[in-house]
Amino acid sequence: MPVITDLPLSFDTEHVLQGQGLDPARARPEIVAAAQEALGEIEALLAPVALYDTVPVREFRHHKVILEDGSSFAGELVARALAGATEIAPAVCTIGSALETRVGALFAAGKPLRALALDGAGIAALGQISQAVGERICAEATSRGLRAGMRASPGQEGWPLEQQPVLFDLLPAQEIGVRLTESCLMLPRKSVSFAVGLGPEMQADATACDYCSKRDHCRWRDDSRR
């Protein structure tokens, strides 16, 4: 079960602005300035770490994926994402809690632009981390003659957030400092969990966004495969 700490990150002003859901070409000068200031602070606030494992799939039943240990995921999205998989790779990634603490302090100090810039940088960092982990899972699968399918996360439309504990039961997330609240949210908040289906016939030719009802007007839509 790899615990990954060698996760190099690369930031520029555009990453910070995009993390805030802003178009860099249309951002106001004061927002761009705050993003540039955040670049000088972000590295010291990040503690990127992730872990993942592989778990055999026993069978599929309609919208349910049943794993070897008898646990299961259910929902239209997760069933579609993992369809045909012989095993799955669950993963949890985080940047730690220091950035969130700093963002809260900046808001309390009356510096919202700087706080929002740092928050955007954290979102960008988490995106880079999860992308890197997904690529490692794919590379490892390829080395074993398998292919990786699309990635999906509890809480996305078609995979209820209430199933987050099932994924966490597959991984010792506490080892990287991530835990669940009673409402199944992750702490630190800048954390993400997901699962990737692996198998000889899997194809990563779609993303969870393709099956979301908000896909035509969501600023966070993933068009990386288009």
Protein backbone atom coordinates (compact mmCIF):
# COMPACT_ATOMS: atom_id res chain seq x y z
CA MET A 1 0.00 0.00 0.00
CA PRO A 2 2.09 2.94 -1.24
CA VAL A 3 2.17 6.11 0.85
CA ILE A 4 3.33 8.82 -1.53
CA THR A 5 5.17 11.92 -0.35
CA ASP A 6 7.32 12.70 -3.39
CA LEU A 7 4.69 14.80 -5.10
CA PRO A 8 6.37 17.73 -6.86
CA LEU A 9 4.07 20.70 -7.40
CA SER A 10 4.39 23.57 -9.83
CA PHE A 11 2.57 26.87 -9.43
CA ASP A 12 2.14 30.07 -11.31
CA THR A 13 -0.40 32.88 -11.13
CA GLU A 14 -2.74 31.14 -13.58
CA HIS A 15 -2.93 28.05 -11.36
CA VAL A 16 -3.94 30.18 -8.38
CA LEU A 17 -6.60 32.06 -10.35
CA GLN A 18 -7.97 28.91 -11.94
CA GLY A 19 -8.13 27.33 -8.49
CA GLN A 20 -10.49 30.17 -7.58
CA GLY A 21 -12.60 29.40 -10.66
CA LEU A 22 -11.43 32.57 -12.41
CA ASP A 23 -10.39 33.21 -15.99
CA PRO A 24 -6.80 34.54 -15.73
CA ALA A 25 -7.38 36.75 -18.78
CA ARG A 26 -10.33 38.50 -17.12
CA ALA A 27 -9.27 38.69 -13.47
CA ARG A 28 -9.13 42.14 -11.89
CA PRO A 29 -5.63 43.57 -11.23
CA GLU A 30 -6.01 43.43 -7.44
CA ILE A 31 -6.98 39.75 -7.62
CA VAL A 32 -3.98 38.99 -9.85
CA ALA A 33 -1.76 40.82 -7.37
CA ALA A 34 -3.12 38.73 -4.50
CA ALA A 35 -2.47 35.56 -6.51
CA GLN A 36 1.11 36.65 -7.10
CA GLU A 37 1.58 37.29 -3.38
CA ALA A 38 0.19 33.83 -2.60
CA LEU A 39 2.93 32.24 -4.70
CA GLY A 40 5.52 33.39 -2.21
CA GLU A 41 3.73 31.72 0.67
CA ILE A 42 2.10 28.59 -0.68
CA GLU A 43 5.06 26.17 -0.63
CA ALA A 44 5.58 26.45 3.13
CA LEU A 45 1.89 25.70 3.75
CA LEU A 46 1.69 22.45 1.81
CA ALA A 47 2.28 18.94 3.11
CA PRO A 48 1.24 16.84 0.10
CA VAL A 49 0.73 13.15 0.81
CA ALA A 50 -1.42 10.37 -0.61
CA LEU A 51 -2.00 6.65 -0.38
CA TYR A 52 -3.75 4.04 -2.45
CA ASP A 53 -4.22 0.30 -2.68
CA THR A 54 -5.70 -2.27 -5.05
CA VAL A 55 -8.71 -4.40 -4.13
CA PRO A 56 -10.13 -7.30 -6.20
CA VAL A 57 -13.70 -7.07 -7.48
CA ARG A 58 -15.93 -10.08 -6.81
CA GLU A 59 -18.95 -9.23 -8.95
CA PHE A 60 -21.30 -6.58 -10.34
CA ARG A 61 -25.02 -6.44 -9.63
CA HIS A 62 -26.92 -3.75 -11.54
CA HIS A 63 -25.65 -0.48 -9.95
CA LYS A 64 -23.60 -2.23 -7.27
CA VAL A 65 -19.91 -3.15 -7.27
CA ILE A 66 -19.13 -5.92 -4.77
CA LEU A 67 -15.52 -6.25 -3.63
CA GLU A 68 -13.66 -9.36 -2.54
CA ASP A 69 -14.18 -8.65 1.16
CA GLY A 70 -17.94 -8.32 0.67
CA SER A 71 -18.08 -4.53 0.94
CA SER A 72 -19.74 -2.71 -1.93
CA PHE A 73 -20.24 0.59 -3.70
CA ALA A 74 -23.62 1.44 -5.20
CA GLY A 75 -24.79 4.15 -7.55
CA GLU A 76 -25.11 4.86 -11.25
CA LEU A 77 -21.82 6.74 -11.54
CA VAL A 78 -19.63 4.35 -9.55
CA ALA A 79 -21.13 1.35 -11.34
CA ARG A 80 -20.46 2.96 -14.71
CA ALA A 81 -16.95 4.06 -13.75
CA LEU A 82 -15.92 0.64 -12.45
CA ALA A 83 -17.85 -1.53 -14.94
CA GLY A 84 -15.66 -4.34 -16.23
CA ALA A 85 -12.95 -3.85 -13.62
CA THR A 86 -11.24 -6.89 -12.15
CA GLU A 87 -9.96 -4.75 -9.29
CA ILE A 88 -10.21 -1.18 -8.09
CA ALA A 89 -7.65 1.28 -6.79
CA PRO A 90 -9.07 3.46 -3.99
CA ALA A 91 -7.00 6.53 -3.10
CA VAL A 92 -6.95 9.42 -0.62
CA CYS A 93 -4.90 12.59 -1.13
CA THR A 94 -4.40 15.70 1.00
CA ILE A 95 -2.32 18.85 1.28
CA GLY A 96 -2.60 18.89 5.09
CA SER A 97 -4.23 21.47 7.35
CA ALA A 98 -1.71 24.34 7.50
CA LEU A 99 -3.11 26.16 4.47
CA GLU A 100 -6.66 26.08 5.83
CA THR A 101 -5.44 27.52 9.12
CA ARG A 102 -3.64 30.33 7.31
CA VAL A 103 -6.67 31.09 5.14
CA GLY A 104 -8.84 31.39 8.26
CA ALA A 105 -6.32 33.74 9.86
CA LEU A 106 -6.25 35.96 6.77
CA PHE A 107 -10.04 36.22 6.70
CA ALA A 108 -10.01 37.11 10.41
CA ALA A 109 -7.39 39.77 9.70
CA GLY A 110 -9.57 41.39 7.04
CA LYS A 111 -7.52 40.21 4.05
CA PRO A 112 -10.09 38.33 1.97
CA LEU A 113 -8.34 38.64 -1.38
CA ARG A 114 -5.15 37.11 -0.01
CA ALA A 115 -7.18 34.41 1.75
CA LEU A 116 -9.10 33.53 -1.42
CA ALA A 117 -5.87 33.45 -3.42
CA LEU A 118 -4.30 30.98 -1.00
CA ASP A 119 -7.47 28.91 -1.00
CA GLY A 120 -7.34 28.79 -4.81
CA ALA A 121 -3.70 27.73 -4.64
CA GLY A 122 -4.69 24.91 -2.30
CA ILE A 123 -7.39 23.72 -4.71
CA ALA A 124 -4.87 23.80 -7.55
CA ALA A 125 -2.35 21.87 -5.46
CA LEU A 126 -4.88 19.18 -4.57
CA GLY A 127 -5.78 18.84 -8.24
CA GLN A 128 -2.14 18.33 -9.16
CA ILE A 129 -1.68 15.77 -6.40
CA SER A 130 -4.72 13.71 -7.38
CA GLN A 131 -3.66 13.85 -11.03
CA ALA A 132 -0.18 12.60 -10.15
CA VAL A 133 -1.57 9.77 -8.02
CA GLY A 134 -3.95 8.77 -10.80
CA GLU A 135 -1.03 8.63 -13.21
CA ARG A 136 0.94 6.40 -10.82
CA ILE A 137 -2.01 4.05 -10.48
CA CYS A 138 -2.29 3.90 -14.26
CA ALA A 139 1.45 3.26 -14.70
CA GLU A 140 1.43 0.49 -12.12
CA ALA A 141 -1.60 -1.11 -13.76
CA THR A 142 0.11 -0.96 -17.16
CA SER A 143 3.17 -2.72 -15.73
CA ARG A 144 0.84 -5.60 -14.75
CA GLY A 145 -0.85 -5.78 -18.14
CA LEU A 146 -3.97 -3.92 -17.00
CA ARG A 147 -5.65 -0.69 -18.04
CA ALA A 148 -7.13 2.06 -15.89
CA GLY A 149 -10.65 3.35 -16.36
CA MET A 150 -12.23 6.65 -15.43
CA ARG A 151 -11.90 8.14 -11.97
CA ALA A 152 -14.87 8.77 -9.68
CA SER A 153 -15.28 10.13 -6.15
CA PRO A 154 -17.91 9.68 -3.44
CA GLY A 155 -20.09 12.77 -3.40
CA GLN A 156 -20.20 13.17 -7.16
CA GLU A 157 -23.61 12.80 -8.73
CA GLY A 158 -24.31 9.08 -8.96
CA TRP A 159 -22.08 8.05 -6.05
CA PRO A 160 -23.59 9.06 -2.69
CA LEU A 161 -21.27 10.75 -0.20
CA GLU A 162 -22.67 8.42 2.47
CA GLN A 163 -20.53 5.66 0.92
CA GLN A 164 -17.34 7.49 1.76
CA PRO A 165 -16.79 5.30 4.88
CA VAL A 166 -16.71 2.20 2.67
CA LEU A 167 -13.76 3.64 0.75
CA PHE A 168 -12.08 4.69 4.00
CA ASP A 169 -12.47 1.15 5.35
CA LEU A 170 -10.24 0.03 2.47
CA LEU A 171 -7.43 2.44 3.34
CA PRO A 172 -5.68 3.51 6.58
CA ALA A 173 -6.29 7.19 5.79
CA GLN A 174 -5.44 8.12 9.38
CA GLU A 175 -1.82 7.32 8.53
CA ILE A 176 -1.74 10.42 6.33
CA GLY A 177 -3.78 12.50 8.76
CA VAL A 178 -7.16 12.30 7.00
CA ARG A 179 -10.37 11.42 8.84
CA LEU A 180 -14.10 11.56 8.23
CA THR A 181 -16.65 13.65 10.07
CA GLU A 182 -20.04 12.25 11.05
CA SER A 183 -21.42 13.76 7.84
CA CYS A 184 -18.79 11.87 5.78
CA LEU A 185 -16.76 14.96 4.91
CA MET A 186 -12.98 14.76 5.01
CA LEU A 187 -10.66 16.63 7.34
CA PRO A 188 -8.38 18.37 6.44
CA ARG A 189 -10.86 19.91 4.03
CA LYS A 190 -8.31 20.12 1.22
CA SER A 191 -8.44 16.35 0.75
CA VAL A 192 -9.91 14.18 -1.97
CA SER A 193 -10.79 10.51 -2.30
CA PHE A 194 -11.46 8.55 -5.46
CA ALA A 195 -11.44 5.10 -7.00
CA VAL A 196 -10.21 3.90 -10.39
CA GLY A 197 -11.27 0.66 -12.03
CA LEU A 198 -8.48 -1.59 -13.31
CA GLY A 199 -8.73 -4.47 -15.75
CA PRO A 200 -7.60 -5.73 -19.15
CA GLU A 201 -10.56 -4.14 -20.95
CA MET A 202 -10.87 -0.82 -19.10
CA GLN A 203 -10.85 2.45 -21.05
CA ALA A 204 -10.29 5.95 -19.62
CA ASP A 205 -12.40 7.53 -22.36
CA ALA A 206 -14.73 9.52 -20.09
CA THR A 207 -14.79 11.50 -16.85
CA ALA A 208 -17.37 11.73 -14.10
CA CYS A 209 -18.30 15.16 -15.48
CA ASP A 210 -19.69 13.51 -18.62
CA TYR A 211 -22.48 11.95 -16.52
CA CYS A 212 -23.30 14.93 -14.32
CA SER A 213 -26.51 16.91 -14.84
CA LYS A 214 -24.57 20.15 -14.24
CA ARG A 215 -21.95 19.41 -16.91
CA ASP A 216 -22.99 22.19 -19.27
CA HIS A 217 -22.59 25.04 -16.79
CA CYS A 218 -20.13 23.87 -14.11
CA ARG A 219 -16.95 25.93 -13.77
CA TRP A 220 -15.10 22.89 -12.37
CA ARG A 221 -15.86 20.65 -15.34
CA ASP A 222 -13.00 18.38 -16.38
CA ASP A 223 -12.52 18.59 -20.15
CA SER A 224 -9.05 17.03 -20.13
CA ARG A 225 -10.13 14.13 -22.35
CA ARG A 226 -11.89 16.21 -24.96
